[in-house]
Amino acid sequence: MELPVNDLFQPGNPFPVEPWEGTVTAAPRHIAMVRIPSGRLAVSDPLDNKPRELAERILPGEYALDTAVIVGEGEYGGERFPVTEEPAVRLLIRDEPAVAWELALSEGEDPRLLLDGHAYGFGTDGAAGSFADAAAWDVLSDRVRHFSAEDDDGGCESLGDGHVRAVDEATGSDLVSFCTGGDGTWPVWLGRSAAGELVSVVVITSYL
């Protein structure tokens, strides 16, 4: 993966973002903890009838979801103003640096079949994605659907900035959504430690 993902989540790195000036990374912003008791991780549009479940399994547990933050300045009509961008979201599996990145695959996907410049990912028509326990997807997605229709069943809440959390207390599972930079297909990336352990799952949500 050519994009320096690690730099996005470490404060103080210069990171050019057009059309802003002097943009640098700031400390990541914590969104929520996500419970994945089944160890089956889905990264998918929260309204999908069937989620894109990753072939990679994780240990059952609760994981921090955060977003990368870039700050800088803009200018319009001679006036300068601060700007903030949040170009990526990360589910932190282990608190270790990732030294290698690979495309996250679902069952039946073969990267050898991809054309140059193409990637597998989750599709969205609503500029949204989510991290969730795939085993509880039907319940969690249905709660987001009711919440979006302003017919909340009590199992969903807004976390601000486009993030929504749905909970299924019967299984102890969560879904937390995020916004993408538009519709289309968004790749998911796995970060691995020097020992080859999975340490993070990342979606770049902007066209950097």
N, C-alpha and C. Protein backbone atom coordinates (compact mmCIF):
# COMPACT_ATOMS: atom_id res chain seq x y z
N MET A 1 0.85 -1.19 0.00
CA MET A 1 0.00 0.00 0.00
C MET A 1 0.89 1.24 0.00
N GLU A 2 0.70 2.12 -0.96
CA GLU A 2 1.59 3.26 -1.10
C GLU A 2 1.26 4.39 -0.13
N LEU A 3 -0.02 4.55 0.21
CA LEU A 3 -0.40 5.65 1.08
C LEU A 3 0.17 5.42 2.48
N PRO A 4 0.85 6.42 3.07
CA PRO A 4 1.48 6.24 4.39
C PRO A 4 0.45 6.29 5.51
N VAL A 5 -0.24 5.18 5.72
CA VAL A 5 -1.32 5.14 6.70
C VAL A 5 -0.82 5.44 8.10
N ASN A 6 0.34 4.89 8.47
CA ASN A 6 0.85 5.14 9.81
C ASN A 6 1.03 6.62 10.08
N ASP A 7 1.48 7.38 9.07
CA ASP A 7 1.68 8.82 9.25
C ASP A 7 0.37 9.53 9.59
N LEU A 8 -0.74 9.03 9.04
CA LEU A 8 -2.03 9.66 9.29
C LEU A 8 -2.43 9.61 10.75
N PHE A 9 -2.00 8.57 11.47
CA PHE A 9 -2.44 8.38 12.85
C PHE A 9 -1.37 8.76 13.87
N GLN A 10 -0.29 9.43 13.41
CA GLN A 10 0.74 9.92 14.30
C GLN A 10 0.79 11.44 14.19
N PRO A 11 0.59 12.17 15.29
CA PRO A 11 0.55 13.64 15.22
C PRO A 11 1.89 14.25 14.85
N GLY A 12 1.81 15.39 14.15
CA GLY A 12 2.99 16.18 13.84
C GLY A 12 3.61 15.91 12.50
N ASN A 13 2.99 15.08 11.67
CA ASN A 13 3.54 14.78 10.35
C ASN A 13 2.96 15.74 9.30
N PRO A 14 3.79 16.41 8.51
CA PRO A 14 3.26 17.19 7.39
C PRO A 14 2.51 16.26 6.44
N PHE A 15 1.33 16.67 6.02
CA PHE A 15 0.53 15.82 5.14
C PHE A 15 -0.29 16.73 4.23
N PRO A 16 0.18 16.96 2.98
CA PRO A 16 -0.51 17.91 2.09
C PRO A 16 -1.91 17.47 1.73
N VAL A 17 -2.85 18.39 1.87
CA VAL A 17 -4.25 18.17 1.49
C VAL A 17 -4.71 19.41 0.72
N GLU A 18 -5.02 19.24 -0.54
CA GLU A 18 -5.50 20.37 -1.34
C GLU A 18 -6.94 20.71 -0.98
N PRO A 19 -7.29 22.02 -0.98
CA PRO A 19 -6.46 23.19 -1.30
C PRO A 19 -5.90 23.87 -0.06
N TRP A 20 -5.86 23.19 1.06
CA TRP A 20 -5.46 23.83 2.30
C TRP A 20 -3.94 23.99 2.39
N GLU A 21 -3.51 24.82 3.35
CA GLU A 21 -2.09 25.14 3.50
C GLU A 21 -1.58 24.66 4.87
N GLY A 22 -0.32 24.27 4.89
CA GLY A 22 0.34 23.92 6.15
C GLY A 22 -0.33 22.78 6.88
N THR A 23 -0.90 21.84 6.16
CA THR A 23 -1.65 20.77 6.82
C THR A 23 -0.71 19.74 7.46
N VAL A 24 -1.02 19.39 8.71
CA VAL A 24 -0.25 18.40 9.47
C VAL A 24 -1.23 17.49 10.20
N THR A 25 -0.75 16.31 10.55
CA THR A 25 -1.58 15.39 11.31
C THR A 25 -1.66 15.82 12.77
N ALA A 26 -2.82 15.61 13.36
CA ALA A 26 -3.04 15.85 14.78
C ALA A 26 -3.31 14.50 15.45
N ALA A 27 -3.53 14.52 16.75
CA ALA A 27 -3.81 13.28 17.47
C ALA A 27 -5.12 12.67 16.95
N PRO A 28 -5.19 11.36 16.80
CA PRO A 28 -6.44 10.73 16.35
C PRO A 28 -7.58 11.04 17.31
N ARG A 29 -8.79 11.07 16.76
CA ARG A 29 -9.99 11.33 17.58
C ARG A 29 -10.71 10.02 17.83
N HIS A 30 -10.95 9.71 19.08
CA HIS A 30 -11.66 8.48 19.44
C HIS A 30 -13.15 8.62 19.11
N ILE A 31 -13.69 7.62 18.47
CA ILE A 31 -15.12 7.62 18.12
C ILE A 31 -15.91 6.80 19.12
N ALA A 32 -15.54 5.53 19.27
CA ALA A 32 -16.30 4.63 20.15
C ALA A 32 -15.54 3.33 20.31
N MET A 33 -15.96 2.53 21.26
CA MET A 33 -15.51 1.15 21.37
C MET A 33 -16.51 0.28 20.62
N VAL A 34 -16.00 -0.72 19.92
CA VAL A 34 -16.85 -1.61 19.12
C VAL A 34 -16.67 -3.03 19.64
N ARG A 35 -17.78 -3.64 20.06
CA ARG A 35 -17.73 -5.00 20.59
C ARG A 35 -17.93 -6.01 19.45
N ILE A 36 -16.99 -6.94 19.34
CA ILE A 36 -17.03 -7.98 18.31
C ILE A 36 -16.91 -9.34 19.02
N PRO A 37 -17.95 -9.80 19.71
CA PRO A 37 -17.83 -11.03 20.50
C PRO A 37 -17.67 -12.29 19.67
N SER A 38 -18.10 -12.28 18.42
CA SER A 38 -17.98 -13.48 17.59
C SER A 38 -16.60 -13.61 16.94
N GLY A 39 -15.84 -12.49 16.89
CA GLY A 39 -14.58 -12.49 16.17
C GLY A 39 -14.73 -12.38 14.67
N ARG A 40 -15.98 -12.25 14.20
CA ARG A 40 -16.26 -12.09 12.77
C ARG A 40 -16.51 -10.61 12.48
N LEU A 41 -15.60 -10.00 11.73
CA LEU A 41 -15.67 -8.55 11.50
C LEU A 41 -16.28 -8.25 10.15
N ALA A 42 -17.30 -7.40 10.14
CA ALA A 42 -17.89 -6.88 8.91
C ALA A 42 -17.49 -5.42 8.76
N VAL A 43 -17.06 -5.04 7.55
CA VAL A 43 -16.81 -3.64 7.20
C VAL A 43 -17.64 -3.39 5.97
N SER A 44 -18.73 -2.64 6.13
CA SER A 44 -19.75 -2.61 5.09
C SER A 44 -20.64 -1.39 5.26
N ASP A 45 -21.36 -1.04 4.18
CA ASP A 45 -22.41 -0.03 4.30
C ASP A 45 -23.40 -0.51 5.36
N PRO A 46 -23.73 0.33 6.35
CA PRO A 46 -24.58 -0.14 7.45
C PRO A 46 -25.98 -0.55 7.03
N LEU A 47 -26.41 -0.18 5.83
CA LEU A 47 -27.75 -0.53 5.37
C LEU A 47 -27.74 -1.72 4.42
N ASP A 48 -26.58 -2.35 4.21
CA ASP A 48 -26.51 -3.52 3.34
C ASP A 48 -27.36 -4.66 3.91
N ASN A 49 -28.09 -5.34 3.05
CA ASN A 49 -28.85 -6.52 3.50
C ASN A 49 -27.91 -7.64 3.90
N LYS A 50 -26.81 -7.78 3.18
CA LYS A 50 -25.79 -8.77 3.50
C LYS A 50 -24.46 -8.04 3.59
N PRO A 51 -23.77 -8.14 4.73
CA PRO A 51 -22.55 -7.35 4.90
C PRO A 51 -21.36 -7.96 4.18
N ARG A 52 -20.36 -7.14 3.97
CA ARG A 52 -19.07 -7.65 3.49
C ARG A 52 -18.27 -8.07 4.72
N GLU A 53 -18.25 -9.36 4.96
CA GLU A 53 -17.53 -9.92 6.11
C GLU A 53 -16.10 -10.25 5.69
N LEU A 54 -15.13 -9.85 6.51
CA LEU A 54 -13.75 -10.12 6.19
C LEU A 54 -13.40 -11.58 6.47
N ALA A 55 -12.55 -12.12 5.63
CA ALA A 55 -12.09 -13.49 5.85
C ALA A 55 -11.20 -13.57 7.08
N GLU A 56 -10.49 -12.50 7.38
CA GLU A 56 -9.61 -12.43 8.55
C GLU A 56 -10.44 -12.43 9.82
N ARG A 57 -10.15 -13.34 10.74
CA ARG A 57 -10.82 -13.38 12.03
C ARG A 57 -10.00 -12.62 13.07
N ILE A 58 -10.68 -12.05 14.05
CA ILE A 58 -10.02 -11.37 15.15
C ILE A 58 -10.44 -12.03 16.45
N LEU A 59 -9.69 -11.81 17.50
CA LEU A 59 -10.07 -12.35 18.80
C LEU A 59 -11.35 -11.68 19.27
N PRO A 60 -12.30 -12.43 19.83
CA PRO A 60 -13.50 -11.79 20.39
C PRO A 60 -13.09 -10.75 21.42
N GLY A 61 -13.72 -9.58 21.34
CA GLY A 61 -13.37 -8.53 22.28
C GLY A 61 -13.97 -7.19 21.90
N GLU A 62 -13.46 -6.15 22.56
CA GLU A 62 -13.92 -4.77 22.36
C GLU A 62 -12.73 -3.96 21.85
N TYR A 63 -12.94 -3.22 20.75
CA TYR A 63 -11.84 -2.54 20.09
C TYR A 63 -12.16 -1.06 19.88
N ALA A 64 -11.10 -0.24 19.95
CA ALA A 64 -11.26 1.21 19.78
C ALA A 64 -11.34 1.56 18.30
N LEU A 65 -12.32 2.38 17.96
CA LEU A 65 -12.45 2.94 16.62
C LEU A 65 -12.10 4.42 16.70
N ASP A 66 -11.13 4.84 15.90
CA ASP A 66 -10.76 6.25 15.89
C ASP A 66 -10.59 6.75 14.48
N THR A 67 -10.47 8.04 14.34
CA THR A 67 -10.33 8.65 13.03
C THR A 67 -9.06 9.49 12.98
N ALA A 68 -8.38 9.45 11.86
CA ALA A 68 -7.22 10.31 11.67
C ALA A 68 -7.68 11.76 11.54
N VAL A 69 -6.85 12.69 12.01
CA VAL A 69 -7.20 14.11 11.99
C VAL A 69 -6.05 14.89 11.34
N ILE A 70 -6.39 15.74 10.38
CA ILE A 70 -5.43 16.64 9.74
C ILE A 70 -5.92 18.07 9.92
N VAL A 71 -5.04 18.95 10.36
CA VAL A 71 -5.41 20.35 10.58
C VAL A 71 -4.53 21.25 9.71
N GLY A 72 -5.07 22.40 9.36
CA GLY A 72 -4.33 23.37 8.55
C GLY A 72 -5.08 24.67 8.46
N GLU A 73 -4.81 25.43 7.40
CA GLU A 73 -5.46 26.73 7.20
C GLU A 73 -6.01 26.83 5.78
N GLY A 74 -7.11 27.56 5.68
CA GLY A 74 -7.66 27.90 4.38
C GLY A 74 -7.71 29.40 4.21
N GLU A 75 -7.96 29.85 2.98
CA GLU A 75 -8.04 31.29 2.71
C GLU A 75 -9.13 31.55 1.69
N TYR A 76 -9.94 32.57 1.98
CA TYR A 76 -10.98 32.97 1.03
C TYR A 76 -11.23 34.46 1.18
N GLY A 77 -11.14 35.19 0.08
CA GLY A 77 -11.41 36.62 0.11
C GLY A 77 -10.48 37.39 1.03
N GLY A 78 -9.26 36.91 1.17
CA GLY A 78 -8.31 37.58 2.04
C GLY A 78 -8.42 37.19 3.49
N GLU A 79 -9.41 36.38 3.83
CA GLU A 79 -9.59 35.94 5.22
C GLU A 79 -9.04 34.52 5.37
N ARG A 80 -8.32 34.29 6.46
CA ARG A 80 -7.78 32.96 6.75
C ARG A 80 -8.61 32.30 7.85
N PHE A 81 -8.72 30.98 7.78
CA PHE A 81 -9.54 30.25 8.75
C PHE A 81 -8.97 28.85 8.94
N PRO A 82 -9.17 28.27 10.13
CA PRO A 82 -8.66 26.92 10.39
C PRO A 82 -9.52 25.87 9.69
N VAL A 83 -8.91 24.79 9.27
CA VAL A 83 -9.63 23.69 8.64
C VAL A 83 -9.22 22.38 9.30
N THR A 84 -10.15 21.44 9.28
CA THR A 84 -9.90 20.11 9.84
C THR A 84 -10.44 19.06 8.87
N GLU A 85 -9.65 18.06 8.60
CA GLU A 85 -10.06 16.93 7.77
C GLU A 85 -9.90 15.64 8.58
N GLU A 86 -10.79 14.68 8.33
CA GLU A 86 -10.69 13.36 8.97
C GLU A 86 -10.70 12.32 7.84
N PRO A 87 -9.52 11.96 7.32
CA PRO A 87 -9.45 11.21 6.07
C PRO A 87 -9.41 9.69 6.21
N ALA A 88 -9.45 9.16 7.42
CA ALA A 88 -9.38 7.71 7.57
C ALA A 88 -9.95 7.29 8.91
N VAL A 89 -10.48 6.06 8.96
CA VAL A 89 -10.94 5.48 10.22
C VAL A 89 -10.16 4.19 10.47
N ARG A 90 -9.95 3.88 11.75
CA ARG A 90 -9.12 2.73 12.11
C ARG A 90 -9.74 1.98 13.28
N LEU A 91 -9.88 0.67 13.12
CA LEU A 91 -10.21 -0.20 14.24
C LEU A 91 -8.89 -0.75 14.76
N LEU A 92 -8.56 -0.38 15.99
CA LEU A 92 -7.27 -0.75 16.56
C LEU A 92 -7.38 -2.11 17.23
N ILE A 93 -6.71 -3.10 16.67
CA ILE A 93 -6.77 -4.46 17.19
C ILE A 93 -5.70 -4.69 18.25
N ARG A 94 -4.51 -4.21 18.01
CA ARG A 94 -3.39 -4.30 18.96
C ARG A 94 -2.65 -2.98 18.96
N ASP A 95 -2.18 -2.55 20.13
CA ASP A 95 -1.49 -1.27 20.24
C ASP A 95 -0.02 -1.45 19.86
N GLU A 96 0.19 -1.76 18.57
CA GLU A 96 1.52 -1.93 18.01
C GLU A 96 1.55 -1.26 16.64
N PRO A 97 2.72 -0.79 16.21
CA PRO A 97 2.79 -0.17 14.89
C PRO A 97 2.63 -1.20 13.78
N ALA A 98 1.96 -0.80 12.72
CA ALA A 98 1.85 -1.64 11.52
C ALA A 98 3.04 -1.36 10.63
N VAL A 99 3.72 -2.41 10.19
CA VAL A 99 4.88 -2.25 9.31
C VAL A 99 4.58 -2.72 7.89
N ALA A 100 3.44 -3.38 7.69
CA ALA A 100 3.06 -3.84 6.36
C ALA A 100 1.55 -3.76 6.23
N TRP A 101 1.10 -3.46 5.01
CA TRP A 101 -0.32 -3.31 4.73
C TRP A 101 -0.73 -4.22 3.58
N GLU A 102 -1.93 -4.77 3.70
CA GLU A 102 -2.45 -5.64 2.65
C GLU A 102 -3.96 -5.41 2.50
N LEU A 103 -4.47 -5.72 1.33
CA LEU A 103 -5.89 -5.57 1.06
C LEU A 103 -6.68 -6.61 1.84
N ALA A 104 -7.71 -6.17 2.57
CA ALA A 104 -8.58 -7.10 3.29
C ALA A 104 -9.49 -7.81 2.30
N LEU A 105 -9.59 -9.11 2.42
CA LEU A 105 -10.37 -9.92 1.50
C LEU A 105 -11.57 -10.54 2.19
N SER A 106 -12.59 -10.82 1.39
CA SER A 106 -13.73 -11.61 1.82
C SER A 106 -13.65 -12.97 1.16
N GLU A 107 -14.48 -13.88 1.63
CA GLU A 107 -14.46 -15.24 1.09
C GLU A 107 -14.67 -15.22 -0.42
N GLY A 108 -13.82 -15.96 -1.13
CA GLY A 108 -13.95 -16.08 -2.58
C GLY A 108 -13.22 -15.03 -3.38
N GLU A 109 -12.63 -14.03 -2.72
CA GLU A 109 -11.89 -12.99 -3.44
C GLU A 109 -10.44 -13.40 -3.62
N ASP A 110 -9.91 -13.14 -4.80
CA ASP A 110 -8.53 -13.51 -5.13
C ASP A 110 -7.84 -12.29 -5.72
N PRO A 111 -6.87 -11.70 -5.00
CA PRO A 111 -6.22 -10.48 -5.50
C PRO A 111 -5.48 -10.68 -6.81
N ARG A 112 -5.15 -11.92 -7.15
CA ARG A 112 -4.45 -12.18 -8.41
C ARG A 112 -5.34 -11.92 -9.61
N LEU A 113 -6.66 -11.85 -9.39
CA LEU A 113 -7.60 -11.64 -10.48
C LEU A 113 -7.90 -10.16 -10.72
N LEU A 114 -7.38 -9.29 -9.86
CA LEU A 114 -7.66 -7.86 -9.98
C LEU A 114 -6.85 -7.24 -11.11
N LEU A 115 -7.48 -6.33 -11.84
CA LEU A 115 -6.77 -5.55 -12.83
C LEU A 115 -5.93 -4.48 -12.13
N ASP A 116 -4.92 -3.97 -12.80
CA ASP A 116 -4.09 -2.90 -12.23
C ASP A 116 -4.95 -1.71 -11.84
N GLY A 117 -4.73 -1.20 -10.64
CA GLY A 117 -5.48 -0.05 -10.17
C GLY A 117 -6.83 -0.38 -9.57
N HIS A 118 -7.20 -1.66 -9.52
CA HIS A 118 -8.48 -2.07 -8.96
C HIS A 118 -8.26 -2.69 -7.58
N ALA A 119 -9.31 -2.69 -6.77
CA ALA A 119 -9.22 -3.26 -5.43
C ALA A 119 -10.59 -3.76 -5.00
N TYR A 120 -10.60 -4.78 -4.16
CA TYR A 120 -11.83 -5.21 -3.53
C TYR A 120 -12.18 -4.24 -2.40
N GLY A 121 -13.46 -4.13 -2.08
CA GLY A 121 -13.90 -3.29 -0.99
C GLY A 121 -15.39 -3.39 -0.80
N PHE A 122 -15.92 -2.57 0.07
CA PHE A 122 -17.37 -2.54 0.27
C PHE A 122 -17.97 -1.44 -0.58
N GLY A 123 -19.14 -1.70 -1.12
CA GLY A 123 -19.83 -0.71 -1.93
C GLY A 123 -20.84 0.07 -1.12
N THR A 124 -21.04 1.32 -1.49
CA THR A 124 -22.06 2.14 -0.81
C THR A 124 -22.72 3.09 -1.80
N ASP A 125 -24.02 3.24 -1.64
CA ASP A 125 -24.79 4.24 -2.39
C ASP A 125 -25.16 5.41 -1.50
N GLY A 126 -24.75 5.35 -0.23
CA GLY A 126 -25.10 6.39 0.73
C GLY A 126 -23.92 7.05 1.38
N ALA A 127 -22.72 6.88 0.79
CA ALA A 127 -21.49 7.50 1.32
C ALA A 127 -21.28 7.14 2.79
N ALA A 128 -21.44 5.85 3.11
CA ALA A 128 -21.31 5.42 4.50
C ALA A 128 -20.72 4.02 4.57
N GLY A 129 -20.02 3.76 5.65
CA GLY A 129 -19.50 2.44 5.95
C GLY A 129 -19.68 2.18 7.43
N SER A 130 -19.27 1.01 7.89
CA SER A 130 -19.38 0.68 9.30
C SER A 130 -18.48 -0.48 9.65
N PHE A 131 -18.13 -0.55 10.94
CA PHE A 131 -17.47 -1.72 11.52
C PHE A 131 -18.49 -2.38 12.43
N ALA A 132 -18.63 -3.70 12.33
CA ALA A 132 -19.66 -4.38 13.11
C ALA A 132 -19.32 -5.84 13.31
N ASP A 133 -19.99 -6.45 14.29
CA ASP A 133 -19.94 -7.90 14.46
C ASP A 133 -20.83 -8.52 13.39
N ALA A 134 -20.22 -9.28 12.50
CA ALA A 134 -20.97 -9.85 11.38
C ALA A 134 -22.05 -10.83 11.84
N ALA A 135 -21.83 -11.49 12.97
CA ALA A 135 -22.79 -12.48 13.45
C ALA A 135 -24.11 -11.84 13.88
N ALA A 136 -24.07 -10.56 14.25
CA ALA A 136 -25.29 -9.87 14.70
C ALA A 136 -25.75 -8.84 13.67
N TRP A 137 -25.29 -8.97 12.43
CA TRP A 137 -25.55 -7.94 11.42
C TRP A 137 -27.02 -7.66 11.21
N ASP A 138 -27.84 -8.67 11.10
CA ASP A 138 -29.26 -8.46 10.78
C ASP A 138 -29.92 -7.53 11.79
N VAL A 139 -29.67 -7.78 13.08
CA VAL A 139 -30.26 -6.95 14.14
C VAL A 139 -29.67 -5.54 14.10
N LEU A 140 -28.35 -5.44 14.01
CA LEU A 140 -27.69 -4.14 14.07
C LEU A 140 -28.05 -3.26 12.87
N SER A 141 -28.01 -3.84 11.68
CA SER A 141 -28.34 -3.06 10.48
C SER A 141 -29.79 -2.62 10.50
N ASP A 142 -30.68 -3.48 10.97
CA ASP A 142 -32.10 -3.13 11.04
C ASP A 142 -32.31 -1.94 11.98
N ARG A 143 -31.55 -1.88 13.05
CA ARG A 143 -31.68 -0.75 13.98
C ARG A 143 -31.19 0.55 13.36
N VAL A 144 -30.12 0.47 12.58
CA VAL A 144 -29.66 1.67 11.86
C VAL A 144 -30.72 2.10 10.85
N ARG A 145 -31.34 1.14 10.19
CA ARG A 145 -32.37 1.45 9.19
C ARG A 145 -33.55 2.18 9.84
N HIS A 146 -33.99 1.71 11.00
CA HIS A 146 -35.08 2.38 11.72
C HIS A 146 -34.66 3.76 12.18
N PHE A 147 -33.42 3.86 12.65
CA PHE A 147 -32.91 5.15 13.13
C PHE A 147 -32.84 6.16 11.99
N SER A 148 -32.40 5.71 10.82
CA SER A 148 -32.30 6.59 9.65
C SER A 148 -33.68 7.07 9.21
N ALA A 149 -34.68 6.23 9.42
CA ALA A 149 -36.05 6.59 9.05
C ALA A 149 -36.77 7.34 10.17
N GLU A 150 -36.01 7.72 11.22
CA GLU A 150 -36.57 8.42 12.38
C GLU A 150 -37.67 7.60 13.04
N ASP A 151 -37.46 6.29 13.04
CA ASP A 151 -38.37 5.36 13.70
C ASP A 151 -37.52 4.52 14.65
N ASP A 152 -36.81 5.19 15.55
CA ASP A 152 -35.81 4.57 16.40
C ASP A 152 -36.44 3.53 17.32
N ASP A 153 -35.80 2.35 17.36
CA ASP A 153 -36.31 1.30 18.24
C ASP A 153 -35.57 1.28 19.58
N GLY A 154 -34.75 2.28 19.84
CA GLY A 154 -34.08 2.36 21.13
C GLY A 154 -32.72 1.71 21.16
N GLY A 155 -32.31 1.07 20.08
CA GLY A 155 -31.02 0.40 20.07
C GLY A 155 -29.99 1.11 19.24
N CYS A 156 -30.18 2.42 19.00
CA CYS A 156 -29.28 3.17 18.12
C CYS A 156 -29.12 4.59 18.66
N GLU A 157 -27.93 5.16 18.47
CA GLU A 157 -27.69 6.53 18.91
C GLU A 157 -26.69 7.21 17.98
N SER A 158 -26.82 8.54 17.89
CA SER A 158 -25.88 9.33 17.13
C SER A 158 -24.68 9.67 18.01
N LEU A 159 -23.48 9.52 17.45
CA LEU A 159 -22.25 9.88 18.16
C LEU A 159 -21.68 11.20 17.65
N GLY A 160 -22.41 11.85 16.72
CA GLY A 160 -21.96 13.11 16.14
C GLY A 160 -21.04 12.90 14.95
N ASP A 161 -20.94 13.93 14.13
CA ASP A 161 -20.05 13.93 12.95
C ASP A 161 -20.33 12.75 12.02
N GLY A 162 -21.59 12.36 11.91
CA GLY A 162 -21.98 11.31 10.98
C GLY A 162 -21.81 9.89 11.50
N HIS A 163 -21.36 9.73 12.73
CA HIS A 163 -21.17 8.40 13.30
C HIS A 163 -22.43 7.98 14.07
N VAL A 164 -22.86 6.75 13.82
CA VAL A 164 -24.03 6.19 14.50
C VAL A 164 -23.62 4.85 15.10
N ARG A 165 -24.10 4.58 16.32
CA ARG A 165 -23.83 3.29 16.96
C ARG A 165 -25.14 2.55 17.20
N ALA A 166 -25.16 1.29 16.76
CA ALA A 166 -26.27 0.39 17.05
C ALA A 166 -25.75 -0.70 17.98
N VAL A 167 -26.58 -1.11 18.92
CA VAL A 167 -26.17 -2.13 19.89
C VAL A 167 -27.17 -3.28 19.90
N ASP A 168 -26.67 -4.47 20.14
CA ASP A 168 -27.50 -5.65 20.34
C ASP A 168 -27.08 -6.26 21.67
N GLU A 169 -27.78 -5.90 22.72
CA GLU A 169 -27.38 -6.35 24.05
C GLU A 169 -27.57 -7.85 24.24
N ALA A 170 -28.43 -8.47 23.43
CA ALA A 170 -28.64 -9.91 23.54
C ALA A 170 -27.35 -10.68 23.24
N THR A 171 -26.55 -10.14 22.31
CA THR A 171 -25.28 -10.79 21.96
C THR A 171 -24.07 -9.99 22.42
N GLY A 172 -24.27 -8.76 22.92
CA GLY A 172 -23.17 -7.91 23.31
C GLY A 172 -22.38 -7.41 22.12
N SER A 173 -23.09 -7.13 21.00
CA SER A 173 -22.45 -6.74 19.75
C SER A 173 -22.76 -5.29 19.39
N ASP A 174 -21.87 -4.68 18.61
CA ASP A 174 -22.05 -3.29 18.18
C ASP A 174 -21.85 -3.15 16.68
N LEU A 175 -22.39 -2.06 16.18
CA LEU A 175 -22.10 -1.53 14.84
C LEU A 175 -21.85 -0.04 15.01
N VAL A 176 -20.76 0.46 14.46
CA VAL A 176 -20.49 1.89 14.47
C VAL A 176 -20.21 2.33 13.03
N SER A 177 -20.98 3.32 12.57
CA SER A 177 -20.88 3.77 11.19
C SER A 177 -19.94 4.96 11.05
N PHE A 178 -19.54 5.23 9.81
CA PHE A 178 -18.71 6.38 9.49
C PHE A 178 -19.07 6.86 8.09
N CYS A 179 -18.69 8.08 7.77
CA CYS A 179 -18.97 8.65 6.45
C CYS A 179 -17.77 8.44 5.54
N THR A 180 -18.04 8.24 4.26
CA THR A 180 -16.99 8.19 3.25
C THR A 180 -17.06 9.45 2.39
N GLY A 181 -16.08 9.61 1.53
CA GLY A 181 -16.03 10.79 0.68
C GLY A 181 -16.99 10.75 -0.49
N GLY A 182 -17.81 9.72 -0.59
CA GLY A 182 -18.78 9.63 -1.67
C GLY A 182 -19.24 8.19 -1.85
N ASP A 183 -20.05 7.96 -2.87
CA ASP A 183 -20.51 6.62 -3.19
C ASP A 183 -19.40 5.85 -3.91
N GLY A 184 -19.65 4.56 -4.12
CA GLY A 184 -18.67 3.75 -4.84
C GLY A 184 -18.14 2.63 -3.98
N THR A 185 -16.97 2.13 -4.34
CA THR A 185 -16.33 1.03 -3.62
C THR A 185 -15.13 1.55 -2.84
N TRP A 186 -15.07 1.19 -1.57
CA TRP A 186 -14.01 1.67 -0.69
C TRP A 186 -13.22 0.48 -0.16
N PRO A 187 -11.92 0.40 -0.48
CA PRO A 187 -11.08 -0.71 -0.01
C PRO A 187 -10.89 -0.67 1.50
N VAL A 188 -10.63 -1.83 2.05
CA VAL A 188 -10.32 -2.00 3.47
C VAL A 188 -8.91 -2.58 3.55
N TRP A 189 -8.11 -2.04 4.48
CA TRP A 189 -6.71 -2.43 4.58
C TRP A 189 -6.41 -3.05 5.94
N LEU A 190 -5.57 -4.09 5.93
CA LEU A 190 -5.12 -4.75 7.15
C LEU A 190 -3.68 -4.34 7.42
N GLY A 191 -3.42 -3.84 8.63
CA GLY A 191 -2.06 -3.51 9.04
C GLY A 191 -1.50 -4.61 9.91
N ARG A 192 -0.27 -5.02 9.63
CA ARG A 192 0.35 -6.11 10.38
C ARG A 192 1.65 -5.65 11.04
N SER A 193 1.94 -6.25 12.17
CA SER A 193 3.16 -5.95 12.91
C SER A 193 4.34 -6.65 12.26
N ALA A 194 5.53 -6.40 12.80
CA ALA A 194 6.73 -7.06 12.28
C ALA A 194 6.64 -8.57 12.43
N ALA A 195 5.86 -9.03 13.41
CA ALA A 195 5.68 -10.47 13.62
C ALA A 195 4.55 -11.05 12.79
N GLY A 196 3.90 -10.19 11.99
CA GLY A 196 2.82 -10.66 11.13
C GLY A 196 1.45 -10.66 11.79
N GLU A 197 1.35 -10.14 13.02
CA GLU A 197 0.07 -10.09 13.72
C GLU A 197 -0.79 -8.93 13.19
N LEU A 198 -2.09 -9.16 13.11
CA LEU A 198 -3.00 -8.09 12.73
C LEU A 198 -3.08 -7.06 13.84
N VAL A 199 -2.81 -5.78 13.51
CA VAL A 199 -2.84 -4.73 14.53
C VAL A 199 -3.92 -3.68 14.26
N SER A 200 -4.36 -3.53 13.01
CA SER A 200 -5.39 -2.53 12.73
C SER A 200 -6.09 -2.84 11.41
N VAL A 201 -7.32 -2.33 11.32
CA VAL A 201 -8.13 -2.43 10.10
C VAL A 201 -8.51 -1.00 9.74
N VAL A 202 -8.17 -0.57 8.53
CA VAL A 202 -8.28 0.85 8.16
C VAL A 202 -9.07 1.02 6.86
N VAL A 203 -9.89 2.08 6.85
CA VAL A 203 -10.55 2.53 5.61
C VAL A 203 -10.13 3.98 5.39
N ILE A 204 -9.55 4.26 4.22
CA ILE A 204 -9.27 5.65 3.83
C ILE A 204 -10.58 6.22 3.30
N THR A 205 -11.11 7.24 3.94
CA THR A 205 -12.44 7.74 3.64
C THR A 205 -12.44 8.98 2.76
N SER A 206 -11.27 9.47 2.38
CA SER A 206 -11.16 10.64 1.52
C SER A 206 -10.31 10.31 0.32
N TYR A 207 -10.43 11.12 -0.74
CA TYR A 207 -9.60 10.97 -1.92
C TYR A 207 -8.34 11.79 -1.73
N LEU A 208 -7.35 11.19 -1.05
CA LEU A 208 -6.12 11.92 -0.73
C LEU A 208 -5.17 11.92 -1.94
